[in-house]
Structures are given as C-alpha cells and as structure tokens.
Amino acid sequence: MAVTTKEIKELRELTGAGMLDCKKALEEAGGDIEKAVVILRERGLAKAVSKASRHAGEGRVEAYIHPPGRLGALVEVRCETDFVALTDEFKQLAKDLAMQVAAASPKWVSREQVPEEVIESEKNIYKNKAEAEGRPAQAVPRIVEGQLENFFKENCLLEQPYFRDPKRQIKDVIAEYSAKLGEKVEVTRFARFNVKEG
C-alpha cells in the first residue's frame, strides 16, 4: 500500500523516528498510524519522543581538528547519565557531530534558534526573486516555503544531511542513538573555527 508524505510526517512527529523508518512502518501497518506507532515502539525507534521531557544533565564536549589545523569544531552533546556519556557509541556520535559541524558549517542547532528577523528576511528575498522571475502569484507562497526549507537544511545542524549517510538528517541520527542508548540525547551548542574565515 502506498503511503502519503502527510502520513509519514504525522507519524514522524508522533514518534521522532526517521522518515524511512516511518514509511516502512506505515506500509507494514497498511496505512494505520496507531499500528505503525506500535511497530516503531517494538523496534525501539519511538523511544526518543518519550524521553524528550527528561533532563539531559550529563554529556561531553567533543573537538574535531581537520588537518593541517586550520579548521576545527567543538560540539556539546548531552545525555542523562555519565554512564552513557562514557560509552563508545556516545563518544562516536559526539565525534561525528563535531566533524559534521566542521564540514557543513551550520549556523544554528535547530530551526527554532533561527531569529525571526532572519526568517522574514529570507522569505522576502525568495518572494522578490520568484516575482522577478515571473512566477505565477499563486505559486509564490509554495516557492517561498520550499526555499525556506532548503535554508533550514543548509543552516541548521539538526536539519542537515548526515555526512556518513546523506539520506538521513542529523535529527534522525540523534533519535536513533537516543533509542539505542535508552536516554535523551541532544546537541546543545557548537562552535566552528576556520583560520581562513577569521
């Protein structure tokens, strides 16, 4: 059975699982969202949402310096216990996230951190460009929304494609680690340094 993007999005918002996992679960459940939630929970992929309200008071700061030492990043990744913070899986996630920051140069952790004035400015740019290109007036709002989504994917760490697997976003990778480790996992902040940009 074919499932719609709307159904996949709804299941993803309910569970925090990745898009592909949501699609597979919906197909398996014959389009029934409640059954799909159960399938994801059984696979351990929906655990991250139930942990979202927990306090992540432990974690680690990880650094990545790209040879020959002109580009680097620091990232703070949090979890609930020092036990998890010391696991190889958590350390690997933190290292990968530091490499992601160095390589992809995000400006914010999430879209919620993007200042409203930046969003409005981007919308105006996309609107003016679409109008200058002679696009139909009824298509302009859709074009603006599409361009804004691309802006978030380029500039927000959690929205970016994961450098090890571009089909997955960073937020999907974090949700998977959260499910695997059994704790809330989150990126709280990062810094990127580039001698040539300084």
Foldseek 3Di string as FASTA:
>chain_A
DAEDPVLLVVLCVQQVAWSVLSRVLCVVVVNDSVSSNVVCVVVLLRLQVVQVPPDFPDADWDKDADPPRQKIKIWTKTWNDVVLNPDPVRVVLNHQLRVCCRPLVADEAAPVPPDPVVLVVQLVVQLVVCVVVVHDPVCSVVSSVVVSLVVRCRHHQQNDQRPVGSVTGNSNVQSVVCSVSVIHMDIDDMDIGGNVVD
